[in-house]
């Protein structure tokens, strides 16, 4: 739970290094990328108390998603697409929970043998996140699919089709009809051997892979699932900001 009141400004802020809330935004993006603890944020960023205040404030009032969605619309329009998609791809990813995460918000994924939480994404054909939901890892794919469809329908009425894998069942298909969304279960070709990417549906797996570059998302450290969801938006905000500005980040392979 975040602090109720904004902590007093420090001398660092008064000296004008990185004033909140701009500095808090930089700190949130830095922490999401590096995975560092609150108290280990660099000294040229606002103090941890101020960064926490803005992180929780923006999580609670929806500012994190608003910033994310504005960038997504701009990036889609840059690619000469409509702001909102007509097709989404749904999938889940189970991640381990860190020590100290409340057991009431975690579970064990029986299929993947992962104790923790289930990160559920709805992405467009470019892999940009339209909706994110975080559930206990023990939650069934149907629960994830229904929650994602509700979230997508609550944001836009342009989505007409959703692609899912075989882990999702007919209850998700029926729920999609209530929102006017045709849910198609993409089945694996029995003749395929080994790993064979499925056209369009595989794009959500690429997004999951991109999120793994953000060390705060490799393991779920957040006590509240709302904070876990917020981290997804901040990670994608970082990704989209680079794409919009054509910025590049040196890879670890770069000499």
C-alpha atoms as a PDB file:
ATOM      1  CA  UNK A   1       0.000   0.000   0.000  1.00  0.00           C
ATOM      2  CA  UNK A   2       1.364   3.405  -0.881  1.00  0.00           C
ATOM      3  CA  UNK A   3       1.889   6.281   1.544  1.00  0.00           C
ATOM      4  CA  UNK A   4      -1.135   8.449   2.216  1.00  0.00           C
ATOM      5  CA  UNK A   5       0.719  11.758   1.951  1.00  0.00           C
ATOM      6  CA  UNK A   6       3.442  13.034  -0.315  1.00  0.00           C
ATOM      7  CA  UNK A   7       6.749  12.870   1.566  1.00  0.00           C
ATOM      8  CA  UNK A   8       8.539  16.174   2.165  1.00  0.00           C
ATOM      9  CA  UNK A   9      10.775  17.285  -0.666  1.00  0.00           C
ATOM     10  CA  UNK A  10      14.445  16.479  -0.191  1.00  0.00           C
ATOM     11  CA  UNK A  11      17.426  18.705  -0.749  1.00  0.00           C
ATOM     12  CA  UNK A  12      18.161  16.779  -3.936  1.00  0.00           C
ATOM     13  CA  UNK A  13      14.816  17.795  -5.382  1.00  0.00           C
ATOM     14  CA  UNK A  14      15.333  21.398  -4.323  1.00  0.00           C
ATOM     15  CA  UNK A  15      18.699  21.425  -6.090  1.00  0.00           C
ATOM     16  CA  UNK A  16      16.805  20.607  -9.290  1.00  0.00           C
ATOM     17  CA  UNK A  17      18.337  17.267 -10.275  1.00  0.00           C
ATOM     18  CA  UNK A  18      15.208  15.402 -11.305  1.00  0.00           C
ATOM     19  CA  UNK A  19      12.060  16.976  -9.968  1.00  0.00           C
ATOM     20  CA  UNK A  20       8.883  14.974  -9.338  1.00  0.00           C
ATOM     21  CA  UNK A  21       6.675  14.013 -11.092  1.00  0.00           C
ATOM     22  CA  UNK A  22       9.013  14.009 -14.121  1.00  0.00           C
ATOM     23  CA  UNK A  23      11.781  12.511 -12.029  1.00  0.00           C
ATOM     24  CA  UNK A  24       9.383   9.959 -10.554  1.00  0.00           C
ATOM     25  CA  UNK A  25       8.478   8.826 -14.073  1.00  0.00           C
ATOM     26  CA  UNK A  26      12.163   8.350 -14.900  1.00  0.00           C
ATOM     27  CA  UNK A  27      12.635   6.406 -11.673  1.00  0.00           C
ATOM     28  CA  UNK A  28       9.673   4.101 -12.349  1.00  0.00           C
ATOM     29  CA  UNK A  29      10.946   3.317 -15.850  1.00  0.00           C
ATOM     30  CA  UNK A  30      14.456   2.774 -14.510  1.00  0.00           C
ATOM     31  CA  UNK A  31      13.283   0.421 -11.782  1.00  0.00           C
ATOM     32  CA  UNK A  32      11.015  -1.511 -14.140  1.00  0.00           C
ATOM     33  CA  UNK A  33      13.930  -2.078 -16.503  1.00  0.00           C
ATOM     34  CA  UNK A  34      16.638  -2.887 -13.941  1.00  0.00           C
ATOM     35  CA  UNK A  35      14.535  -4.522 -11.216  1.00  0.00           C
ATOM     36  CA  UNK A  36      16.333  -2.684  -8.428  1.00  0.00           C
ATOM     37  CA  UNK A  37      14.836  -2.226  -4.980  1.00  0.00           C
ATOM     38  CA  UNK A  38      13.184   1.045  -4.018  1.00  0.00           C
ATOM     39  CA  UNK A  39      16.023   2.066  -1.713  1.00  0.00           C
ATOM     40  CA  UNK A  40      18.642   1.315  -4.386  1.00  0.00           C
ATOM     41  CA  UNK A  41      17.406   3.882  -6.908  1.00  0.00           C
ATOM     42  CA  UNK A  42      20.240   6.117  -8.174  1.00  0.00           C
ATOM     43  CA  UNK A  43      20.875   9.251  -6.122  1.00  0.00           C
ATOM     44  CA  UNK A  44      20.165  11.589  -9.030  1.00  0.00           C
ATOM     45  CA  UNK A  45      16.521  10.437  -8.996  1.00  0.00           C
ATOM     46  CA  UNK A  46      13.886  11.518  -6.446  1.00  0.00           C
ATOM     47  CA  UNK A  47      13.893   9.718  -3.084  1.00  0.00           C
ATOM     48  CA  UNK A  48      12.145   6.357  -2.896  1.00  0.00           C
ATOM     49  CA  UNK A  49       9.248   7.767  -0.875  1.00  0.00           C
ATOM     50  CA  UNK A  50       8.377  10.289  -3.577  1.00  0.00           C
ATOM     51  CA  UNK A  51       8.656   7.692  -6.357  1.00  0.00           C
ATOM     52  CA  UNK A  52       6.404   5.299  -4.437  1.00  0.00           C
ATOM     53  CA  UNK A  53       3.847   8.029  -3.961  1.00  0.00           C
ATOM     54  CA  UNK A  54       3.558   8.697  -7.674  1.00  0.00           C
ATOM     55  CA  UNK A  55       3.673   5.019  -8.630  1.00  0.00           C
ATOM     56  CA  UNK A  56       0.715   4.211  -6.379  1.00  0.00           C
ATOM     57  CA  UNK A  57      -1.115   7.431  -7.236  1.00  0.00           C
ATOM     58  CA  UNK A  58      -0.848   6.856 -10.985  1.00  0.00           C
ATOM     59  CA  UNK A  59      -1.773   3.194 -10.530  1.00  0.00           C
ATOM     60  CA  UNK A  60      -4.910   4.070  -8.587  1.00  0.00           C
ATOM     61  CA  UNK A  61      -6.153   6.921 -10.801  1.00  0.00           C
ATOM     62  CA  UNK A  62      -5.326   5.168 -14.090  1.00  0.00           C
ATOM     63  CA  UNK A  63      -2.645   7.598 -15.236  1.00  0.00           C
ATOM     64  CA  UNK A  64      -0.290   4.695 -15.990  1.00  0.00           C
ATOM     65  CA  UNK A  65      -2.746   3.184 -18.470  1.00  0.00           C
ATOM     66  CA  UNK A  66      -3.669   6.585 -19.923  1.00  0.00           C
ATOM     67  CA  UNK A  67      -0.024   7.331 -20.790  1.00  0.00           C
ATOM     68  CA  UNK A  68       0.365   3.808 -22.181  1.00  0.00           C
ATOM     69  CA  UNK A  69      -2.768   4.026 -24.342  1.00  0.00           C
ATOM     70  CA  UNK A  70      -1.855   7.434 -25.756  1.00  0.00           C
ATOM     71  CA  UNK A  71       1.499   6.083 -26.909  1.00  0.00           C
ATOM     72  CA  UNK A  72      -0.143   2.957 -28.350  1.00  0.00           C
ATOM     73  CA  UNK A  73      -2.557   5.065 -30.388  1.00  0.00           C
ATOM     74  CA  UNK A  74       0.290   7.237 -31.680  1.00  0.00           C
ATOM     75  CA  UNK A  75       2.395   4.221 -32.609  1.00  0.00           C
ATOM     76  CA  UNK A  76      -0.477   2.534 -34.443  1.00  0.00           C
ATOM     77  CA  UNK A  77      -1.244   5.732 -36.343  1.00  0.00           C
ATOM     78  CA  UNK A  78       2.455   6.064 -37.201  1.00  0.00           C
ATOM     79  CA  UNK A  79       2.110   2.656 -38.860  1.00  0.00           C
ATOM     80  CA  UNK A  80      -0.987   3.927 -40.699  1.00  0.00           C
ATOM     81  CA  UNK A  81      -3.415   1.887 -38.654  1.00  0.00           C
ATOM     82  CA  UNK A  82      -6.543   2.979 -36.842  1.00  0.00           C
ATOM     83  CA  UNK A  83      -6.013   3.971 -33.225  1.00  0.00           C
ATOM     84  CA  UNK A  84      -7.914   0.954 -31.900  1.00  0.00           C
ATOM     85  CA  UNK A  85      -7.541  -2.586 -33.287  1.00  0.00           C
ATOM     86  CA  UNK A  86     -10.191  -4.855 -34.770  1.00  0.00           C
ATOM     87  CA  UNK A  87      -8.326  -8.049 -33.804  1.00  0.00           C
ATOM     88  CA  UNK A  88      -6.591  -9.038 -30.578  1.00  0.00           C
ATOM     89  CA  UNK A  89      -4.599 -12.070 -29.487  1.00  0.00           C
ATOM     90  CA  UNK A  90      -5.002 -13.448 -25.958  1.00  0.00           C
ATOM     91  CA  UNK A  91      -2.526 -15.498 -23.960  1.00  0.00           C
ATOM     92  CA  UNK A  92      -1.215 -16.056 -20.434  1.00  0.00           C
ATOM     93  CA  UNK A  93       2.207 -16.414 -18.858  1.00  0.00           C
ATOM     94  CA  UNK A  94       2.851 -17.840 -15.389  1.00  0.00           C
ATOM     95  CA  UNK A  95       5.700 -16.241 -13.434  1.00  0.00           C
ATOM     96  CA  UNK A  96       7.192 -17.075 -10.051  1.00  0.00           C
ATOM     97  CA  UNK A  97       6.272 -14.837  -7.126  1.00  0.00           C
ATOM     98  CA  UNK A  98       8.947 -13.368  -4.886  1.00  0.00           C
ATOM     99  CA  UNK A  99       9.250 -14.098  -1.188  1.00  0.00           C
ATOM    100  CA  UNK A 100       6.841 -11.909   0.749  1.00  0.00           C
ATOM    101  CA  UNK A 101       4.127 -11.745  -1.901  1.00  0.00           C
ATOM    102  CA  UNK A 102       0.809 -12.544  -0.159  1.00  0.00           C
ATOM    103  CA  UNK A 103      -0.254 -16.164  -0.606  1.00  0.00           C
ATOM    104  CA  UNK A 104      -3.870 -15.015  -1.076  1.00  0.00           C
ATOM    105  CA  UNK A 105      -2.941 -13.506  -4.458  1.00  0.00           C
ATOM    106  CA  UNK A 106      -0.819 -16.384  -5.725  1.00  0.00           C
ATOM    107  CA  UNK A 107      -1.348 -20.008  -6.692  1.00  0.00           C
ATOM    108  CA  UNK A 108       0.262 -22.887  -8.560  1.00  0.00           C
ATOM    109  CA  UNK A 109      -0.091 -23.433 -12.277  1.00  0.00           C
ATOM    110  CA  UNK A 110      -0.720 -27.173 -12.421  1.00  0.00           C
ATOM    111  CA  UNK A 111       0.157 -27.441 -16.122  1.00  0.00           C
ATOM    112  CA  UNK A 112       3.406 -25.427 -16.044  1.00  0.00           C
ATOM    113  CA  UNK A 113       4.355 -26.328 -12.453  1.00  0.00           C
ATOM    114  CA  UNK A 114       4.888 -22.659 -11.631  1.00  0.00           C
ATOM    115  CA  UNK A 115       3.946 -21.229  -8.215  1.00  0.00           C
ATOM    116  CA  UNK A 116       3.107 -17.546  -8.471  1.00  0.00           C
ATOM    117  CA  UNK A 117       0.899 -15.404 -10.645  1.00  0.00           C
ATOM    118  CA  UNK A 118      -0.547 -15.554 -14.136  1.00  0.00           C
ATOM    119  CA  UNK A 119       0.077 -12.539 -16.375  1.00  0.00           C
ATOM    120  CA  UNK A 120      -2.659 -12.325 -18.998  1.00  0.00           C
ATOM    121  CA  UNK A 121      -2.338 -10.146 -22.105  1.00  0.00           C
ATOM    122  CA  UNK A 122      -4.495  -9.031 -24.989  1.00  0.00           C
ATOM    123  CA  UNK A 123      -2.342  -7.591 -27.785  1.00  0.00           C
ATOM    124  CA  UNK A 124      -2.946  -6.253 -31.284  1.00  0.00           C
ATOM    125  CA  UNK A 125      -1.289  -7.613 -34.435  1.00  0.00           C
ATOM    126  CA  UNK A 126       1.776  -5.453 -33.737  1.00  0.00           C
ATOM    127  CA  UNK A 127       2.197  -6.965 -30.292  1.00  0.00           C
ATOM    128  CA  UNK A 128       1.106  -3.809 -28.462  1.00  0.00           C
ATOM    129  CA  UNK A 129      -0.776  -4.428 -25.228  1.00  0.00           C
ATOM    130  CA  UNK A 130      -4.465  -3.540 -25.297  1.00  0.00           C
ATOM    131  CA  UNK A 131      -5.369  -5.049 -21.923  1.00  0.00           C
ATOM    132  CA  UNK A 132      -3.513  -6.740 -19.071  1.00  0.00           C
ATOM    133  CA  UNK A 133      -4.870  -8.785 -16.178  1.00  0.00           C
ATOM    134  CA  UNK A 134      -2.949 -10.426 -13.334  1.00  0.00           C
ATOM    135  CA  UNK A 135      -4.417 -13.457 -11.545  1.00  0.00           C
ATOM    136  CA  UNK A 136      -3.144 -16.230  -9.268  1.00  0.00           C
ATOM    137  CA  UNK A 137      -1.248 -18.821 -11.314  1.00  0.00           C
ATOM    138  CA  UNK A 138      -3.881 -21.393 -10.293  1.00  0.00           C
ATOM    139  CA  UNK A 139      -6.586 -19.505 -12.240  1.00  0.00           C
ATOM    140  CA  UNK A 140      -7.908 -21.360 -15.295  1.00  0.00           C
ATOM    141  CA  UNK A 141      -7.321 -19.993 -18.777  1.00  0.00           C
ATOM    142  CA  UNK A 142     -11.070 -19.451 -19.056  1.00  0.00           C
ATOM    143  CA  UNK A 143     -11.035 -17.011 -16.134  1.00  0.00           C
ATOM    144  CA  UNK A 144      -8.153 -15.158 -17.785  1.00  0.00           C
ATOM    145  CA  UNK A 145      -9.894 -15.065 -21.170  1.00  0.00           C
ATOM    146  CA  UNK A 146     -13.159 -13.785 -19.726  1.00  0.00           C
ATOM    147  CA  UNK A 147     -11.396 -11.058 -17.743  1.00  0.00           C
ATOM    148  CA  UNK A 148      -9.408  -9.971 -20.809  1.00  0.00           C
ATOM    149  CA  UNK A 149     -12.492  -9.855 -23.033  1.00  0.00           C
ATOM    150  CA  UNK A 150     -14.321  -7.755 -20.455  1.00  0.00           C
ATOM    151  CA  UNK A 151     -11.372  -5.370 -20.285  1.00  0.00           C
ATOM    152  CA  UNK A 152     -11.021  -5.070 -24.050  1.00  0.00           C
ATOM    153  CA  UNK A 153     -14.758  -4.506 -24.540  1.00  0.00           C
ATOM    154  CA  UNK A 154     -14.725  -1.897 -21.785  1.00  0.00           C
ATOM    155  CA  UNK A 155     -12.037   0.118 -23.592  1.00  0.00           C
ATOM    156  CA  UNK A 156     -13.136  -0.034 -27.212  1.00  0.00           C
ATOM    157  CA  UNK A 157     -15.983  -1.278 -29.387  1.00  0.00           C
ATOM    158  CA  UNK A 158     -13.811  -1.799 -32.468  1.00  0.00           C
ATOM    159  CA  UNK A 159     -12.549  -5.316 -31.635  1.00  0.00           C
ATOM    160  CA  UNK A 160     -14.430  -7.944 -33.623  1.00  0.00           C
ATOM    161  CA  UNK A 161     -12.126 -10.971 -33.425  1.00  0.00           C
ATOM    162  CA  UNK A 162      -9.850 -12.599 -30.845  1.00  0.00           C
ATOM    163  CA  UNK A 163      -7.364 -15.430 -31.358  1.00  0.00           C
ATOM    164  CA  UNK A 164      -6.552 -17.833 -28.503  1.00  0.00           C
ATOM    165  CA  UNK A 165      -4.697 -21.118 -28.114  1.00  0.00           C
ATOM    166  CA  UNK A 166      -6.130 -24.496 -27.167  1.00  0.00           C
ATOM    167  CA  UNK A 167      -5.850 -23.771 -23.451  1.00  0.00           C
ATOM    168  CA  UNK A 168      -8.945 -21.590 -23.724  1.00  0.00           C
ATOM    169  CA  UNK A 169     -12.281 -23.401 -23.888  1.00  0.00           C
ATOM    170  CA  UNK A 170     -15.791 -22.837 -25.206  1.00  0.00           C
ATOM    171  CA  UNK A 171     -16.837 -20.689 -22.248  1.00  0.00           C
ATOM    172  CA  UNK A 172     -14.461 -18.000 -23.526  1.00  0.00           C
ATOM    173  CA  UNK A 173     -15.950 -18.300 -27.008  1.00  0.00           C
ATOM    174  CA  UNK A 174     -19.463 -17.905 -25.611  1.00  0.00           C
ATOM    175  CA  UNK A 175     -18.421 -14.945 -23.468  1.00  0.00           C
ATOM    176  CA  UNK A 176     -16.906 -13.253 -26.499  1.00  0.00           C
ATOM    177  CA  UNK A 177     -20.237 -13.433 -28.315  1.00  0.00           C
ATOM    178  CA  UNK A 178     -21.820 -11.332 -25.565  1.00  0.00           C
ATOM    179  CA  UNK A 179     -19.405  -8.542 -26.457  1.00  0.00           C
ATOM    180  CA  UNK A 180     -19.740  -9.055 -30.198  1.00  0.00           C
ATOM    181  CA  UNK A 181     -16.246 -10.572 -30.398  1.00  0.00           C
ATOM    182  CA  UNK A 182     -15.654 -13.718 -32.437  1.00  0.00           C
ATOM    183  CA  UNK A 183     -13.194 -15.834 -30.421  1.00  0.00           C
ATOM    184  CA  UNK A 184     -11.272 -18.339 -32.553  1.00  0.00           C
ATOM    185  CA  UNK A 185      -9.367 -21.177 -30.909  1.00  0.00           C
ATOM    186  CA  UNK A 186      -6.247 -21.700 -33.035  1.00  0.00           C
ATOM    187  CA  UNK A 187      -5.421 -25.388 -32.903  1.00  0.00           C
ATOM    188  CA  UNK A 188      -1.996 -26.840 -33.438  1.00  0.00           C
ATOM    189  CA  UNK A 189      -1.496 -28.831 -36.628  1.00  0.00           C
ATOM    190  CA  UNK A 190      -1.036 -32.492 -35.570  1.00  0.00           C
ATOM    191  CA  UNK A 191       1.412 -32.959 -38.428  1.00  0.00           C
ATOM    192  CA  UNK A 192       3.794 -30.310 -37.058  1.00  0.00           C
ATOM    193  CA  UNK A 193       6.852 -31.562 -35.236  1.00  0.00           C
ATOM    194  CA  UNK A 194       8.794 -29.510 -32.737  1.00  0.00           C
ATOM    195  CA  UNK A 195       8.231 -25.788 -32.332  1.00  0.00           C
ATOM    196  CA  UNK A 196       6.170 -24.186 -35.114  1.00  0.00           C
ATOM    197  CA  UNK A 197       4.990 -20.562 -34.604  1.00  0.00           C
ATOM    198  CA  UNK A 198       1.309 -20.024 -35.361  1.00  0.00           C
ATOM    199  CA  UNK A 199       0.651 -17.119 -37.711  1.00  0.00           C
ATOM    200  CA  UNK A 200      -0.692 -14.001 -35.917  1.00  0.00           C
ATOM    201  CA  UNK A 201      -1.357 -15.845 -32.660  1.00  0.00           C
ATOM    202  CA  UNK A 202       2.382 -16.072 -32.002  1.00  0.00           C
ATOM    203  CA  UNK A 203       2.708 -12.280 -31.755  1.00  0.00           C
ATOM    204  CA  UNK A 204       1.591 -12.363 -28.114  1.00  0.00           C
ATOM    205  CA  UNK A 205       4.489 -14.709 -27.321  1.00  0.00           C
ATOM    206  CA  UNK A 206       6.868 -12.135 -28.759  1.00  0.00           C
ATOM    207  CA  UNK A 207       5.387  -9.533 -26.444  1.00  0.00           C
ATOM    208  CA  UNK A 208       5.905 -11.858 -23.476  1.00  0.00           C
ATOM    209  CA  UNK A 209       9.521 -12.227 -24.560  1.00  0.00           C
ATOM    210  CA  UNK A 210       9.987  -8.455 -24.762  1.00  0.00           C
ATOM    211  CA  UNK A 211       8.585  -8.043 -21.251  1.00  0.00           C
ATOM    212  CA  UNK A 212      11.232 -10.450 -19.964  1.00  0.00           C
ATOM    213  CA  UNK A 213      13.881  -7.825 -20.777  1.00  0.00           C
ATOM    214  CA  UNK A 214      12.352  -5.810 -17.925  1.00  0.00           C
ATOM    215  CA  UNK A 215      13.782  -7.428 -14.824  1.00  0.00           C
ATOM    216  CA  UNK A 216      10.988  -6.214 -12.550  1.00  0.00           C
ATOM    217  CA  UNK A 217       8.689  -8.497 -14.576  1.00  0.00           C
ATOM    218  CA  UNK A 218      10.885 -11.610 -14.618  1.00  0.00           C
ATOM    219  CA  UNK A 219       9.583 -12.411 -11.138  1.00  0.00           C
ATOM    220  CA  UNK A 220       6.471 -10.902  -9.551  1.00  0.00           C
ATOM    221  CA  UNK A 221       7.640  -8.718  -6.658  1.00  0.00           C
ATOM    222  CA  UNK A 222       4.435  -6.748  -6.175  1.00  0.00           C
ATOM    223  CA  UNK A 223       2.174  -7.304  -3.168  1.00  0.00           C
ATOM    224  CA  UNK A 224      -0.906  -6.246  -5.121  1.00  0.00           C
ATOM    225  CA  UNK A 225      -1.942  -7.581  -8.500  1.00  0.00           C
ATOM    226  CA  UNK A 226      -2.864  -4.012  -9.488  1.00  0.00           C
ATOM    227  CA  UNK A 227       0.799  -3.070  -9.109  1.00  0.00           C
ATOM    228  CA  UNK A 228       1.829  -6.056 -11.246  1.00  0.00           C
ATOM    229  CA  UNK A 229      -0.580  -4.895 -13.936  1.00  0.00           C
ATOM    230  CA  UNK A 230       0.801  -1.367 -13.712  1.00  0.00           C
ATOM    231  CA  UNK A 231       4.344  -2.670 -14.270  1.00  0.00           C
ATOM    232  CA  UNK A 232       3.249  -4.175 -17.590  1.00  0.00           C
ATOM    233  CA  UNK A 233       1.973  -0.799 -18.746  1.00  0.00           C
ATOM    234  CA  UNK A 234       5.173   0.978 -17.694  1.00  0.00           C
ATOM    235  CA  UNK A 235       7.333  -1.602 -19.462  1.00  0.00           C
ATOM    236  CA  UNK A 236       5.337  -1.227 -22.683  1.00  0.00           C
ATOM    237  CA  UNK A 237       5.413   2.562 -22.272  1.00  0.00           C
ATOM    238  CA  UNK A 238       9.203   2.326 -22.364  1.00  0.00           C
ATOM    239  CA  UNK A 239       9.089   0.061 -25.436  1.00  0.00           C
ATOM    240  CA  UNK A 240       6.696   2.307 -27.351  1.00  0.00           C
ATOM    241  CA  UNK A 241       8.552   5.519 -26.450  1.00  0.00           C
ATOM    242  CA  UNK A 242      11.696   4.091 -28.052  1.00  0.00           C
ATOM    243  CA  UNK A 243       9.805   2.962 -31.142  1.00  0.00           C
ATOM    244  CA  UNK A 244       8.172   6.353 -31.578  1.00  0.00           C
ATOM    245  CA  UNK A 245      11.488   8.181 -31.291  1.00  0.00           C
ATOM    246  CA  UNK A 246      13.471   5.557 -33.244  1.00  0.00           C
ATOM    247  CA  UNK A 247      15.822   5.245 -30.274  1.00  0.00           C
ATOM    248  CA  UNK A 248      18.008   2.181 -29.860  1.00  0.00           C
ATOM    249  CA  UNK A 249      19.308   0.487 -26.738  1.00  0.00           C
ATOM    250  CA  UNK A 250      22.685  -1.289 -26.861  1.00  0.00           C
ATOM    251  CA  UNK A 251      22.299  -5.041 -26.449  1.00  0.00           C
ATOM    252  CA  UNK A 252      24.478  -7.076 -24.125  1.00  0.00           C
ATOM    253  CA  UNK A 253      26.116  -8.543 -27.242  1.00  0.00           C
ATOM    254  CA  UNK A 254      27.309  -5.110 -28.349  1.00  0.00           C
ATOM    255  CA  UNK A 255      31.130  -4.919 -27.914  1.00  0.00           C
END
